[in-house]
């Protein structure tokens, strides 16, 4: 089987795909690096939105007890929760619209 000049091989496509997947898993999206904060002030985000703990939990799908523990410093949100909280802090209406069934 011959390959057209200038067209990458299937192997080259697979290798490029694996490199892209590895970069994504390492926190790279294209050339931009994804930043997940080490800490998040959950209470400040919630207060900025003018919500109670119960309202915030219901609006964004958090367990209210976990939210309380984050706010009181007894637990720290996992990495994915910190990323989600950052998005909520920046675009709360968009997140809420996306979640409403």
C-alpha atoms as a PDB file:
ATOM      1  CA  UNK A   1       0.000   0.000   0.000  1.00  0.00           C
ATOM      2  CA  UNK A   2       1.444   3.340  -0.979  1.00  0.00           C
ATOM      3  CA  UNK A   3       0.980   6.609   0.757  1.00  0.00           C
ATOM      4  CA  UNK A   4       0.327   9.924  -0.975  1.00  0.00           C
ATOM      5  CA  UNK A   5       3.209  12.349  -0.633  1.00  0.00           C
ATOM      6  CA  UNK A   6       2.683  14.857   2.171  1.00  0.00           C
ATOM      7  CA  UNK A   7      -0.141  12.882   3.824  1.00  0.00           C
ATOM      8  CA  UNK A   8       0.679  11.632   7.336  1.00  0.00           C
ATOM      9  CA  UNK A   9       0.596   7.920   7.983  1.00  0.00           C
ATOM     10  CA  UNK A  10      -1.947   6.295  10.268  1.00  0.00           C
ATOM     11  CA  UNK A  11       0.858   5.702  12.772  1.00  0.00           C
ATOM     12  CA  UNK A  12       1.746   9.409  12.720  1.00  0.00           C
ATOM     13  CA  UNK A  13      -1.929  10.277  13.314  1.00  0.00           C
ATOM     14  CA  UNK A  14      -2.070   7.896  16.267  1.00  0.00           C
ATOM     15  CA  UNK A  15       1.144   9.259  17.754  1.00  0.00           C
ATOM     16  CA  UNK A  16      -0.098  12.847  17.375  1.00  0.00           C
ATOM     17  CA  UNK A  17      -3.390  11.858  19.043  1.00  0.00           C
ATOM     18  CA  UNK A  18      -1.558  10.238  21.951  1.00  0.00           C
ATOM     19  CA  UNK A  19       0.624  13.324  22.399  1.00  0.00           C
ATOM     20  CA  UNK A  20      -2.495  15.519  22.442  1.00  0.00           C
ATOM     21  CA  UNK A  21      -4.168  13.239  24.997  1.00  0.00           C
ATOM     22  CA  UNK A  22      -1.064  13.276  27.194  1.00  0.00           C
ATOM     23  CA  UNK A  23      -0.862  17.073  26.984  1.00  0.00           C
ATOM     24  CA  UNK A  24      -4.531  17.325  27.935  1.00  0.00           C
ATOM     25  CA  UNK A  25      -4.047  15.053  30.947  1.00  0.00           C
ATOM     26  CA  UNK A  26      -1.041  17.141  31.997  1.00  0.00           C
ATOM     27  CA  UNK A  27      -3.261  20.230  32.035  1.00  0.00           C
ATOM     28  CA  UNK A  28      -2.531  21.604  28.597  1.00  0.00           C
ATOM     29  CA  UNK A  29      -5.346  22.497  26.219  1.00  0.00           C
ATOM     30  CA  UNK A  30      -3.674  23.415  22.971  1.00  0.00           C
ATOM     31  CA  UNK A  31      -1.174  26.077  24.010  1.00  0.00           C
ATOM     32  CA  UNK A  32      -3.150  27.258  27.035  1.00  0.00           C
ATOM     33  CA  UNK A  33      -2.442  25.686  30.399  1.00  0.00           C
ATOM     34  CA  UNK A  34      -5.440  24.884  32.553  1.00  0.00           C
ATOM     35  CA  UNK A  35      -5.163  26.408  36.019  1.00  0.00           C
ATOM     36  CA  UNK A  36      -6.969  24.822  38.933  1.00  0.00           C
ATOM     37  CA  UNK A  37      -6.448  26.867  42.096  1.00  0.00           C
ATOM     38  CA  UNK A  38      -4.964  25.170  45.163  1.00  0.00           C
ATOM     39  CA  UNK A  39      -7.505  26.919  47.374  1.00  0.00           C
ATOM     40  CA  UNK A  40     -10.971  28.318  46.796  1.00  0.00           C
ATOM     41  CA  UNK A  41     -12.903  30.628  49.096  1.00  0.00           C
ATOM     42  CA  UNK A  42     -16.214  28.815  48.832  1.00  0.00           C
ATOM     43  CA  UNK A  43     -17.964  31.089  51.312  1.00  0.00           C
ATOM     44  CA  UNK A  44     -16.916  34.208  49.377  1.00  0.00           C
ATOM     45  CA  UNK A  45     -18.256  32.755  46.114  1.00  0.00           C
ATOM     46  CA  UNK A  46     -21.547  31.822  47.752  1.00  0.00           C
ATOM     47  CA  UNK A  47     -21.921  35.187  49.490  1.00  0.00           C
ATOM     48  CA  UNK A  48     -21.109  37.078  46.291  1.00  0.00           C
ATOM     49  CA  UNK A  49     -24.080  35.288  44.730  1.00  0.00           C
ATOM     50  CA  UNK A  50     -26.259  36.165  47.732  1.00  0.00           C
ATOM     51  CA  UNK A  51     -27.192  32.549  48.417  1.00  0.00           C
ATOM     52  CA  UNK A  52     -27.588  30.484  51.544  1.00  0.00           C
ATOM     53  CA  UNK A  53     -25.665  27.233  51.824  1.00  0.00           C
ATOM     54  CA  UNK A  54     -28.835  25.308  50.998  1.00  0.00           C
ATOM     55  CA  UNK A  55     -29.596  27.468  47.952  1.00  0.00           C
ATOM     56  CA  UNK A  56     -26.020  27.275  46.649  1.00  0.00           C
ATOM     57  CA  UNK A  57     -25.903  23.505  47.102  1.00  0.00           C
ATOM     58  CA  UNK A  58     -29.220  23.016  45.340  1.00  0.00           C
ATOM     59  CA  UNK A  59     -28.361  25.401  42.489  1.00  0.00           C
ATOM     60  CA  UNK A  60     -25.000  23.819  41.670  1.00  0.00           C
ATOM     61  CA  UNK A  61     -25.385  20.192  42.774  1.00  0.00           C
ATOM     62  CA  UNK A  62     -23.206  20.131  45.878  1.00  0.00           C
ATOM     63  CA  UNK A  63     -23.892  18.146  49.012  1.00  0.00           C
ATOM     64  CA  UNK A  64     -24.790  20.778  51.626  1.00  0.00           C
ATOM     65  CA  UNK A  65     -22.766  19.020  54.325  1.00  0.00           C
ATOM     66  CA  UNK A  66     -19.663  19.009  52.123  1.00  0.00           C
ATOM     67  CA  UNK A  67     -20.199  22.707  51.437  1.00  0.00           C
ATOM     68  CA  UNK A  68     -20.404  23.425  55.162  1.00  0.00           C
ATOM     69  CA  UNK A  69     -17.204  21.499  55.822  1.00  0.00           C
ATOM     70  CA  UNK A  70     -15.384  23.374  53.029  1.00  0.00           C
ATOM     71  CA  UNK A  71     -16.522  26.715  54.396  1.00  0.00           C
ATOM     72  CA  UNK A  72     -15.501  25.809  57.955  1.00  0.00           C
ATOM     73  CA  UNK A  73     -12.103  24.528  56.832  1.00  0.00           C
ATOM     74  CA  UNK A  74     -12.660  20.958  57.980  1.00  0.00           C
ATOM     75  CA  UNK A  75     -12.331  19.650  54.424  1.00  0.00           C
ATOM     76  CA  UNK A  76     -10.824  20.908  51.199  1.00  0.00           C
ATOM     77  CA  UNK A  77     -12.639  20.558  47.859  1.00  0.00           C
ATOM     78  CA  UNK A  78     -11.099  18.005  45.518  1.00  0.00           C
ATOM     79  CA  UNK A  79      -9.363  19.291  42.378  1.00  0.00           C
ATOM     80  CA  UNK A  80     -12.416  18.851  40.138  1.00  0.00           C
ATOM     81  CA  UNK A  81     -14.653  20.628  42.665  1.00  0.00           C
ATOM     82  CA  UNK A  82     -12.154  23.515  42.863  1.00  0.00           C
ATOM     83  CA  UNK A  83     -12.207  23.816  39.067  1.00  0.00           C
ATOM     84  CA  UNK A  84     -16.022  23.733  39.076  1.00  0.00           C
ATOM     85  CA  UNK A  85     -16.164  26.356  41.836  1.00  0.00           C
ATOM     86  CA  UNK A  86     -13.870  28.614  39.815  1.00  0.00           C
ATOM     87  CA  UNK A  87     -16.225  28.367  36.848  1.00  0.00           C
ATOM     88  CA  UNK A  88     -19.194  29.106  39.125  1.00  0.00           C
ATOM     89  CA  UNK A  89     -17.372  32.167  40.488  1.00  0.00           C
ATOM     90  CA  UNK A  90     -16.832  33.502  36.964  1.00  0.00           C
ATOM     91  CA  UNK A  91     -20.002  32.375  35.160  1.00  0.00           C
ATOM     92  CA  UNK A  92     -22.702  31.419  37.692  1.00  0.00           C
ATOM     93  CA  UNK A  93     -25.653  32.070  35.375  1.00  0.00           C
ATOM     94  CA  UNK A  94     -24.156  29.974  32.576  1.00  0.00           C
ATOM     95  CA  UNK A  95     -23.455  27.067  34.924  1.00  0.00           C
ATOM     96  CA  UNK A  96     -26.949  27.222  36.409  1.00  0.00           C
ATOM     97  CA  UNK A  97     -28.559  27.326  32.933  1.00  0.00           C
ATOM     98  CA  UNK A  98     -26.499  24.330  31.862  1.00  0.00           C
ATOM     99  CA  UNK A  99     -27.631  22.323  34.896  1.00  0.00           C
ATOM    100  CA  UNK A 100     -31.342  23.134  34.882  1.00  0.00           C
ATOM    101  CA  UNK A 101     -33.252  20.246  33.359  1.00  0.00           C
END
